[in-house]
Every structure is written in C-alpha cells, then in structure tokens.
Amino acid sequence: MKKFAILTMILCAASFAAAAAGIDGKWTSESKRGDNTIQQTLTLKSDGGALTGAVESSFNGNSRSVDIKNGKVDGNKFSFSMVQRGKQGEVTVTWEGTVNGDEMSGTTTREGGQSRPFNAKRAGN
C-alpha cells in the first residue's frame, strides 16, 4: 500500500510537470485593432508553477518587448501580467488562458476592465 501511494505521488508530479512544460516555447498571435494588425510573439518558460518570459508586439512597423510579471501555471491553465507603456502612460494587462497542444486561448484584460479574447499557436506550426 505504501509503494502504491508513493507511485501515485510520483505519477501525479510527473503529470503536472509535463502539463506545465507544454507552455514552454514561442507562441504567435495576430489581432486586428481597427484597420491595423498587431502581431505578438510570446516567449514563455515554466518552472514548476512559475511562468517567466516576454511578449513582443509589432504594430505599424514598430516593435517592443515587455517582460511578464506574476506568471503562474497550473496544469494547462496559465496567467501573467505585463505593463504596457503608451501615450496614456502605464497600463497593466492581465493574460489568462489555457494551453491545448499547439494552441492557446484566453483573454487579455486591460487595467480598467476592457477584455479581449486571444488565440495563439506554437511558433513553427
């Protein structure tokens, strides 16, 4: 019975690690804002339940990269925030979503409550 309990714990830990590792790598997303297209590349790395990385955005020939903050992974669910700097000053954007194989989806929510859906695909697919 003791061996069964230990084996179960090991399998659960391995399963969690495999699910968290599923988010590692580069992801690409494209969205429209009026007549403009915004391209984003998410570079993400999990370590247990922690998530680190950056989001690079390209818009009208300009590109900038922002490190993510407060990144978390729990199974196939993830969340993080980032601070965008623009004409209106600094705005925090929170990302929440799920990973399903080579696709991720969820919402981005700007400080103040404006939410938008997003979809991304693993780069190279």
N, C-alpha and C. Protein backbone atom coordinates (compact mmCIF):
# COMPACT_ATOMS: atom_id res chain seq x y z
N MET A 1 0.82 -1.19 0.00
CA MET A 1 0.00 0.00 0.00
C MET A 1 0.87 1.26 0.00
N LYS A 2 1.95 1.22 0.77
CA LYS A 2 2.85 2.36 0.85
C LYS A 2 3.51 2.60 -0.51
N LYS A 3 3.91 1.52 -1.21
CA LYS A 3 4.52 1.65 -2.52
C LYS A 3 3.53 2.24 -3.52
N PHE A 4 2.26 1.85 -3.41
CA PHE A 4 1.23 2.38 -4.30
C PHE A 4 1.06 3.88 -4.10
N ALA A 5 1.04 4.33 -2.85
CA ALA A 5 0.89 5.75 -2.55
C ALA A 5 2.07 6.55 -3.10
N ILE A 6 3.28 6.02 -2.95
CA ILE A 6 4.46 6.71 -3.45
C ILE A 6 4.43 6.77 -4.98
N LEU A 7 4.06 5.66 -5.61
CA LEU A 7 3.98 5.62 -7.08
C LEU A 7 2.93 6.62 -7.57
N THR A 8 1.81 6.70 -6.90
CA THR A 8 0.75 7.65 -7.28
C THR A 8 1.26 9.08 -7.18
N MET A 9 1.98 9.40 -6.10
CA MET A 9 2.53 10.75 -5.94
C MET A 9 3.52 11.07 -7.05
N ILE A 10 4.36 10.12 -7.42
CA ILE A 10 5.36 10.34 -8.47
C ILE A 10 4.66 10.57 -9.81
N LEU A 11 3.65 9.77 -10.12
CA LEU A 11 2.93 9.92 -11.38
C LEU A 11 2.19 11.26 -11.44
N CYS A 12 1.60 11.69 -10.35
CA CYS A 12 0.91 12.98 -10.32
C CYS A 12 1.90 14.12 -10.53
N ALA A 13 3.05 14.06 -9.89
CA ALA A 13 4.07 15.09 -10.05
C ALA A 13 4.58 15.13 -11.48
N ALA A 14 4.80 13.96 -12.08
CA ALA A 14 5.27 13.89 -13.47
C ALA A 14 4.21 14.46 -14.41
N SER A 15 2.95 14.16 -14.15
CA SER A 15 1.86 14.67 -14.97
C SER A 15 1.79 16.19 -14.90
N PHE A 16 1.93 16.76 -13.69
CA PHE A 16 1.91 18.22 -13.52
C PHE A 16 3.07 18.84 -14.27
N ALA A 17 4.26 18.26 -14.15
CA ALA A 17 5.44 18.80 -14.82
C ALA A 17 5.27 18.75 -16.33
N ALA A 18 4.72 17.68 -16.85
CA ALA A 18 4.51 17.56 -18.30
C ALA A 18 3.51 18.60 -18.79
N ALA A 19 2.44 18.82 -18.04
CA ALA A 19 1.43 19.80 -18.44
C ALA A 19 2.01 21.21 -18.41
N ALA A 20 2.79 21.53 -17.36
CA ALA A 20 3.40 22.85 -17.25
C ALA A 20 4.40 23.07 -18.38
N ALA A 21 5.17 22.03 -18.72
CA ALA A 21 6.17 22.15 -19.78
C ALA A 21 5.51 22.38 -21.13
N GLY A 22 4.23 22.05 -21.28
CA GLY A 22 3.53 22.24 -22.53
C GLY A 22 3.43 23.68 -22.96
N ILE A 23 3.64 24.62 -22.06
CA ILE A 23 3.55 26.04 -22.40
C ILE A 23 4.90 26.61 -22.83
N ASP A 24 5.98 25.88 -22.55
CA ASP A 24 7.32 26.37 -22.86
C ASP A 24 7.51 26.57 -24.36
N GLY A 25 8.14 27.68 -24.74
CA GLY A 25 8.46 27.94 -26.13
C GLY A 25 7.89 29.25 -26.63
N LYS A 26 7.85 29.38 -27.95
CA LYS A 26 7.35 30.60 -28.60
C LYS A 26 5.96 30.36 -29.15
N TRP A 27 5.13 31.38 -28.99
CA TRP A 27 3.75 31.36 -29.45
C TRP A 27 3.51 32.62 -30.25
N THR A 28 2.71 32.53 -31.32
CA THR A 28 2.42 33.71 -32.12
C THR A 28 0.91 33.97 -32.16
N SER A 29 0.59 35.25 -32.15
CA SER A 29 -0.80 35.68 -32.16
C SER A 29 -0.91 36.90 -33.07
N GLU A 30 -2.06 37.04 -33.70
CA GLU A 30 -2.31 38.20 -34.55
C GLU A 30 -3.73 38.68 -34.28
N SER A 31 -3.88 40.00 -34.12
CA SER A 31 -5.22 40.55 -33.87
C SER A 31 -5.39 41.86 -34.62
N LYS A 32 -6.62 42.24 -34.82
CA LYS A 32 -6.96 43.48 -35.52
C LYS A 32 -7.42 44.52 -34.51
N ARG A 33 -6.98 45.74 -34.72
CA ARG A 33 -7.47 46.90 -33.98
C ARG A 33 -7.80 47.94 -35.04
N GLY A 34 -9.08 48.00 -35.39
CA GLY A 34 -9.48 48.87 -36.50
C GLY A 34 -8.91 48.34 -37.79
N ASP A 35 -8.19 49.19 -38.52
CA ASP A 35 -7.56 48.77 -39.78
C ASP A 35 -6.15 48.23 -39.57
N ASN A 36 -5.68 48.22 -38.35
CA ASN A 36 -4.31 47.81 -38.05
C ASN A 36 -4.24 46.37 -37.55
N THR A 37 -3.11 45.73 -37.84
CA THR A 37 -2.86 44.37 -37.37
C THR A 37 -1.73 44.41 -36.35
N ILE A 38 -1.95 43.77 -35.21
CA ILE A 38 -0.94 43.66 -34.17
C ILE A 38 -0.46 42.22 -34.14
N GLN A 39 0.84 42.03 -34.29
CA GLN A 39 1.42 40.70 -34.20
C GLN A 39 2.15 40.59 -32.86
N GLN A 40 1.96 39.48 -32.16
CA GLN A 40 2.60 39.28 -30.87
C GLN A 40 3.30 37.93 -30.86
N THR A 41 4.47 37.91 -30.25
CA THR A 41 5.20 36.67 -30.02
C THR A 41 5.41 36.54 -28.53
N LEU A 42 4.89 35.48 -27.97
CA LEU A 42 5.06 35.18 -26.54
C LEU A 42 6.18 34.16 -26.42
N THR A 43 7.17 34.45 -25.62
CA THR A 43 8.25 33.51 -25.33
C THR A 43 8.12 33.15 -23.86
N LEU A 44 7.73 31.90 -23.58
CA LEU A 44 7.37 31.50 -22.22
C LEU A 44 8.20 30.32 -21.73
N LYS A 45 8.45 30.31 -20.42
CA LYS A 45 9.21 29.23 -19.78
C LYS A 45 8.60 28.97 -18.41
N SER A 46 8.25 27.71 -18.17
CA SER A 46 7.68 27.33 -16.87
C SER A 46 8.76 26.68 -16.01
N ASP A 47 8.59 26.85 -14.71
CA ASP A 47 9.46 26.20 -13.73
C ASP A 47 8.56 25.85 -12.56
N GLY A 48 8.06 24.60 -12.55
CA GLY A 48 7.06 24.24 -11.55
C GLY A 48 5.79 25.02 -11.85
N GLY A 49 5.31 25.77 -10.88
CA GLY A 49 4.11 26.57 -11.06
C GLY A 49 4.40 28.00 -11.48
N ALA A 50 5.69 28.35 -11.64
CA ALA A 50 6.06 29.72 -12.02
C ALA A 50 6.20 29.82 -13.53
N LEU A 51 5.86 30.98 -14.07
CA LEU A 51 5.96 31.23 -15.50
C LEU A 51 6.72 32.54 -15.71
N THR A 52 7.74 32.51 -16.58
CA THR A 52 8.50 33.70 -16.92
C THR A 52 8.52 33.85 -18.43
N GLY A 53 8.96 35.01 -18.89
CA GLY A 53 9.08 35.21 -20.32
C GLY A 53 8.82 36.65 -20.72
N ALA A 54 8.48 36.82 -21.99
CA ALA A 54 8.26 38.15 -22.54
C ALA A 54 7.22 38.09 -23.65
N VAL A 55 6.62 39.25 -23.92
CA VAL A 55 5.69 39.40 -25.03
C VAL A 55 6.25 40.49 -25.93
N GLU A 56 6.51 40.13 -27.20
CA GLU A 56 6.98 41.10 -28.18
C GLU A 56 5.81 41.45 -29.08
N SER A 57 5.54 42.74 -29.21
CA SER A 57 4.44 43.21 -30.04
C SER A 57 4.98 44.02 -31.21
N SER A 58 4.43 43.78 -32.41
CA SER A 58 4.78 44.54 -33.60
C SER A 58 3.51 45.21 -34.12
N PHE A 59 3.61 46.54 -34.35
CA PHE A 59 2.45 47.31 -34.75
C PHE A 59 2.93 48.48 -35.59
N ASN A 60 2.43 48.61 -36.80
CA ASN A 60 2.80 49.72 -37.70
C ASN A 60 4.30 49.87 -37.86
N GLY A 61 5.02 48.77 -37.98
CA GLY A 61 6.47 48.83 -38.19
C GLY A 61 7.28 49.03 -36.93
N ASN A 62 6.61 49.21 -35.79
CA ASN A 62 7.31 49.36 -34.51
C ASN A 62 7.22 48.07 -33.73
N SER A 63 8.26 47.77 -32.98
CA SER A 63 8.27 46.54 -32.20
C SER A 63 8.81 46.85 -30.81
N ARG A 64 8.21 46.20 -29.81
CA ARG A 64 8.72 46.33 -28.44
C ARG A 64 8.47 45.05 -27.68
N SER A 65 9.34 44.79 -26.73
CA SER A 65 9.25 43.57 -25.91
C SER A 65 9.05 43.97 -24.46
N VAL A 66 8.15 43.26 -23.78
CA VAL A 66 7.85 43.53 -22.37
C VAL A 66 7.94 42.22 -21.59
N ASP A 67 8.70 42.24 -20.49
CA ASP A 67 8.78 41.05 -19.63
C ASP A 67 7.45 40.84 -18.92
N ILE A 68 7.09 39.56 -18.73
CA ILE A 68 5.87 39.26 -17.99
C ILE A 68 6.15 39.26 -16.50
N LYS A 69 5.12 39.47 -15.71
CA LYS A 69 5.20 39.51 -14.25
C LYS A 69 4.15 38.56 -13.68
N ASN A 70 4.36 38.10 -12.47
CA ASN A 70 3.38 37.30 -11.74
C ASN A 70 2.88 36.09 -12.54
N GLY A 71 3.77 35.47 -13.31
CA GLY A 71 3.37 34.34 -14.14
C GLY A 71 3.12 33.08 -13.34
N LYS A 72 2.03 32.40 -13.66
CA LYS A 72 1.64 31.17 -12.97
C LYS A 72 1.15 30.14 -13.98
N VAL A 73 1.46 28.86 -13.69
CA VAL A 73 0.97 27.75 -14.49
C VAL A 73 0.36 26.74 -13.54
N ASP A 74 -0.83 26.25 -13.87
CA ASP A 74 -1.48 25.21 -13.08
C ASP A 74 -2.13 24.25 -14.06
N GLY A 75 -1.43 23.13 -14.32
CA GLY A 75 -1.92 22.20 -15.34
C GLY A 75 -1.86 22.86 -16.70
N ASN A 76 -2.99 22.95 -17.40
CA ASN A 76 -2.98 23.60 -18.71
C ASN A 76 -3.45 25.06 -18.63
N LYS A 77 -3.67 25.57 -17.42
CA LYS A 77 -4.10 26.96 -17.23
C LYS A 77 -2.88 27.82 -16.90
N PHE A 78 -2.92 29.07 -17.37
CA PHE A 78 -1.83 29.99 -17.09
C PHE A 78 -2.38 31.40 -16.89
N SER A 79 -1.56 32.23 -16.25
CA SER A 79 -1.89 33.65 -16.11
C SER A 79 -0.58 34.42 -15.91
N PHE A 80 -0.59 35.66 -16.35
CA PHE A 80 0.52 36.58 -16.10
C PHE A 80 0.06 37.99 -16.37
N SER A 81 0.86 38.96 -15.96
CA SER A 81 0.55 40.35 -16.26
C SER A 81 1.77 40.99 -16.90
N MET A 82 1.55 42.12 -17.54
CA MET A 82 2.63 42.89 -18.14
C MET A 82 2.23 44.35 -18.10
N VAL A 83 3.21 45.22 -18.11
CA VAL A 83 2.95 46.66 -18.08
C VAL A 83 3.26 47.23 -19.45
N GLN A 84 2.25 47.82 -20.08
CA GLN A 84 2.42 48.47 -21.37
C GLN A 84 2.60 49.96 -21.14
N ARG A 85 3.52 50.54 -21.88
CA ARG A 85 3.73 51.98 -21.81
C ARG A 85 3.28 52.59 -23.13
N GLY A 86 2.46 53.62 -23.03
CA GLY A 86 1.95 54.26 -24.23
C GLY A 86 1.67 55.72 -23.99
N LYS A 87 0.90 56.33 -24.88
CA LYS A 87 0.56 57.75 -24.78
C LYS A 87 -0.21 58.07 -23.50
N GLN A 88 -0.99 57.09 -23.02
CA GLN A 88 -1.79 57.31 -21.81
C GLN A 88 -1.02 56.96 -20.55
N GLY A 89 0.26 56.61 -20.67
CA GLY A 89 1.06 56.22 -19.51
C GLY A 89 1.16 54.71 -19.41
N GLU A 90 1.35 54.23 -18.20
CA GLU A 90 1.49 52.79 -17.98
C GLU A 90 0.14 52.15 -17.70
N VAL A 91 -0.08 51.00 -18.34
CA VAL A 91 -1.32 50.24 -18.16
C VAL A 91 -0.95 48.78 -17.95
N THR A 92 -1.52 48.15 -16.91
CA THR A 92 -1.28 46.74 -16.67
C THR A 92 -2.29 45.92 -17.46
N VAL A 93 -1.78 44.90 -18.15
CA VAL A 93 -2.62 43.99 -18.91
C VAL A 93 -2.44 42.60 -18.33
N THR A 94 -3.54 41.93 -18.00
CA THR A 94 -3.51 40.58 -17.44
C THR A 94 -3.93 39.59 -18.52
N TRP A 95 -3.14 38.53 -18.67
CA TRP A 95 -3.43 37.46 -19.61
C TRP A 95 -3.84 36.23 -18.81
N GLU A 96 -4.92 35.57 -19.23
CA GLU A 96 -5.37 34.32 -18.61
C GLU A 96 -5.84 33.40 -19.72
N GLY A 97 -5.50 32.12 -19.60
CA GLY A 97 -5.94 31.21 -20.63
C GLY A 97 -5.55 29.78 -20.38
N THR A 98 -5.70 28.99 -21.44
CA THR A 98 -5.38 27.56 -21.37
C THR A 98 -4.55 27.17 -22.59
N VAL A 99 -3.76 26.12 -22.41
CA VAL A 99 -2.97 25.55 -23.49
C VAL A 99 -3.59 24.21 -23.84
N ASN A 100 -3.77 23.99 -25.13
CA ASN A 100 -4.29 22.71 -25.61
C ASN A 100 -3.41 22.29 -26.79
N GLY A 101 -2.39 21.48 -26.51
CA GLY A 101 -1.46 21.06 -27.55
C GLY A 101 -0.67 22.23 -28.08
N ASP A 102 -0.80 22.52 -29.37
CA ASP A 102 -0.06 23.60 -30.01
C ASP A 102 -0.88 24.88 -30.14
N GLU A 103 -1.96 24.98 -29.36
CA GLU A 103 -2.79 26.18 -29.38
C GLU A 103 -3.05 26.66 -27.96
N MET A 104 -3.14 27.97 -27.82
CA MET A 104 -3.55 28.55 -26.53
C MET A 104 -4.62 29.59 -26.81
N SER A 105 -5.48 29.78 -25.84
CA SER A 105 -6.54 30.77 -25.98
C SER A 105 -6.90 31.30 -24.61
N GLY A 106 -7.55 32.45 -24.61
CA GLY A 106 -7.95 33.06 -23.35
C GLY A 106 -8.35 34.50 -23.57
N THR A 107 -8.12 35.31 -22.53
CA THR A 107 -8.46 36.73 -22.60
C THR A 107 -7.30 37.58 -22.10
N THR A 108 -7.22 38.78 -22.65
CA THR A 108 -6.34 39.81 -22.11
C THR A 108 -7.26 40.89 -21.55
N THR A 109 -6.94 41.35 -20.36
CA THR A 109 -7.78 42.36 -19.71
C THR A 109 -6.92 43.56 -19.33
N ARG A 110 -7.25 44.70 -19.91
CA ARG A 110 -6.54 45.94 -19.59
C ARG A 110 -7.03 46.47 -18.25
N GLU A 111 -6.15 47.11 -17.55
CA GLU A 111 -6.49 47.78 -16.31
C GLU A 111 -7.70 48.68 -16.57
N GLY A 112 -8.73 48.56 -15.77
CA GLY A 112 -9.94 49.31 -16.02
C GLY A 112 -11.05 48.45 -16.59
N GLY A 113 -10.71 47.19 -16.98
CA GLY A 113 -11.75 46.25 -17.31
C GLY A 113 -11.98 45.89 -18.76
N GLN A 114 -11.29 46.50 -19.74
CA GLN A 114 -11.53 46.15 -21.13
C GLN A 114 -10.86 44.81 -21.45
N SER A 115 -11.69 43.78 -21.78
CA SER A 115 -11.18 42.44 -22.09
C SER A 115 -11.31 42.13 -23.57
N ARG A 116 -10.34 41.35 -24.07
CA ARG A 116 -10.39 40.88 -25.45
C ARG A 116 -9.95 39.43 -25.49
N PRO A 117 -10.56 38.64 -26.35
CA PRO A 117 -10.10 37.26 -26.50
C PRO A 117 -8.80 37.22 -27.29
N PHE A 118 -8.01 36.18 -27.08
CA PHE A 118 -6.82 35.98 -27.91
C PHE A 118 -6.67 34.49 -28.21
N ASN A 119 -6.03 34.21 -29.31
CA ASN A 119 -5.65 32.85 -29.72
C ASN A 119 -4.21 32.93 -30.19
N ALA A 120 -3.44 31.92 -29.84
CA ALA A 120 -2.05 31.85 -30.29
C ALA A 120 -1.72 30.42 -30.68
N LYS A 121 -0.74 30.30 -31.56
CA LYS A 121 -0.28 28.98 -31.98
C LYS A 121 1.20 28.88 -31.69
N ARG A 122 1.62 27.66 -31.40
CA ARG A 122 3.04 27.43 -31.17
C ARG A 122 3.80 27.81 -32.43
N ALA A 123 4.85 28.59 -32.30
CA ALA A 123 5.63 29.04 -33.45
C ALA A 123 6.21 27.83 -34.17
N GLY A 124 6.16 27.90 -35.50
CA GLY A 124 6.67 26.81 -36.30
C GLY A 124 5.60 25.83 -36.74
N ASN A 125 4.35 26.02 -36.28
CA ASN A 125 3.26 25.12 -36.68
C ASN A 125 2.26 25.84 -37.53
